[in-house]
C-alpha atoms as a PDB file:
ATOM      1  CA  MET A   1       3.158  43.635 171.167  1.00  0.00           C
ATOM      2  CA  THR A   2      -0.389  44.970 171.179  1.00  0.00           C
ATOM      3  CA  ALA A   3      -1.421  47.730 173.499  1.00  0.00           C
ATOM      4  CA  VAL A   4      -4.425  47.121 175.690  1.00  0.00           C
ATOM      5  CA  LYS A   5      -6.635  50.165 175.928  1.00  0.00           C
ATOM      6  CA  LYS A   6      -8.114  50.629 179.381  1.00  0.00           C
ATOM      7  CA  LYS A   7     -11.552  52.174 179.707  1.00  0.00           C
ATOM      8  CA  PHE A   8     -11.483  55.036 182.174  1.00  0.00           C
ATOM      9  CA  THR A   9     -14.518  56.357 184.019  1.00  0.00           C
ATOM     10  CA  MET A  10     -14.426  59.627 182.100  1.00  0.00           C
ATOM     11  CA  GLU A  11     -14.700  57.729 178.810  1.00  0.00           C
ATOM     12  CA  VAL A  12     -17.900  55.914 179.751  1.00  0.00           C
ATOM     13  CA  ASP A  13     -21.089  57.529 178.468  1.00  0.00           C
ATOM     14  CA  TYR A  14     -23.550  56.825 181.272  1.00  0.00           C
ATOM     15  CA  ASN A  15     -26.408  58.202 179.166  1.00  0.00           C
ATOM     16  CA  LYS A  16     -26.063  55.103 176.997  1.00  0.00           C
ATOM     17  CA  SER A  17     -25.113  52.724 179.784  1.00  0.00           C
ATOM     18  CA  THR A  18     -27.294  50.188 181.572  1.00  0.00           C
ATOM     19  CA  LYS A  19     -25.461  50.902 184.831  1.00  0.00           C
ATOM     20  CA  ALA A  20     -25.394  54.126 186.795  1.00  0.00           C
ATOM     21  CA  CYS A  21     -22.220  55.673 188.109  1.00  0.00           C
ATOM     22  CA  PRO A  22     -21.460  54.640 191.713  1.00  0.00           C
ATOM     23  CA  ALA A  23     -22.424  58.025 193.184  1.00  0.00           C
ATOM     24  CA  CYS A  24     -25.796  58.088 191.415  1.00  0.00           C
ATOM     25  CA  ALA A  25     -26.496  54.464 192.255  1.00  0.00           C
ATOM     26  CA  SER A  26     -25.975  55.090 195.978  1.00  0.00           C
ATOM     27  CA  GLU A  27     -28.292  58.127 195.850  1.00  0.00           C
ATOM     28  CA  CYS A  28     -30.961  56.024 194.122  1.00  0.00           C
ATOM     29  CA  GLU A  29     -30.667  53.442 196.895  1.00  0.00           C
ATOM     30  CA  LYS A  30     -31.186  56.173 199.495  1.00  0.00           C
ATOM     31  CA  ILE A  31     -34.321  57.394 197.701  1.00  0.00           C
ATOM     32  CA  ASN A  32     -35.652  53.826 197.523  1.00  0.00           C
ATOM     33  CA  LYS A  33     -35.155  53.459 201.285  1.00  0.00           C
ATOM     34  CA  ARG A  34     -36.996  56.730 201.919  1.00  0.00           C
ATOM     35  CA  VAL A  35     -39.937  55.669 199.747  1.00  0.00           C
ATOM     36  CA  ASN A  36     -39.995  52.324 201.574  1.00  0.00           C
ATOM     37  CA  ASN A  37     -42.170  50.421 199.064  1.00  0.00           C
ATOM     38  CA  ARG A  38     -45.050  52.898 199.336  1.00  0.00           C
ATOM     39  CA  LYS A  39     -47.270  53.969 196.485  1.00  0.00           C
ATOM     40  CA  LEU A  40     -46.865  57.533 195.286  1.00  0.00           C
ATOM     41  CA  SER A  41     -50.373  58.327 196.523  1.00  0.00           C
ATOM     42  CA  GLU A  42     -49.326  57.316 200.046  1.00  0.00           C
ATOM     43  CA  ILE A  43     -46.419  59.767 200.186  1.00  0.00           C
ATOM     44  CA  LYS A  44     -47.281  63.053 201.850  1.00  0.00           C
ATOM     45  CA  THR A  45     -46.518  66.301 200.064  1.00  0.00           C
ATOM     46  CA  LYS A  46     -44.270  67.436 202.915  1.00  0.00           C
ATOM     47  CA  GLU A  47     -42.096  64.321 202.509  1.00  0.00           C
ATOM     48  CA  VAL A  48     -41.298  64.874 198.825  1.00  0.00           C
ATOM     49  CA  PRO A  49     -38.448  67.419 199.241  1.00  0.00           C
ATOM     50  CA  HIS A  50     -36.754  65.144 201.793  1.00  0.00           C
ATOM     51  CA  ILE A  51     -37.201  62.044 199.637  1.00  0.00           C
ATOM     52  CA  LEU A  52     -35.870  63.703 196.493  1.00  0.00           C
ATOM     53  CA  LYS A  53     -32.934  65.415 198.170  1.00  0.00           C
ATOM     54  CA  VAL A  54     -29.847  63.954 196.507  1.00  0.00           C
ATOM     55  CA  PHE A  55     -26.154  64.431 197.010  1.00  0.00           C
ATOM     56  CA  ASN A  56     -26.542  65.803 200.526  1.00  0.00           C
ATOM     57  CA  PHE A  57     -23.065  67.142 201.270  1.00  0.00           C
END
C-alpha cells in the first residue's frame, strides 16, 4: 500500500506559486475595486492610503 502525501497550506511556497493565498487574493480584489479601472495619474494623493490599506481588521 502506498501512502498518499497531502499538500498542506503551510507547505506551499507562495513566493514561487502562480496563485496567491486566499487572504491575499481577496485583499487584491478589494484594491482593484477601489482603483475602479482608473489610471494611476487619475488617483488623488489623498486616496492612496485608503486604496492601499490591506487586511483591515
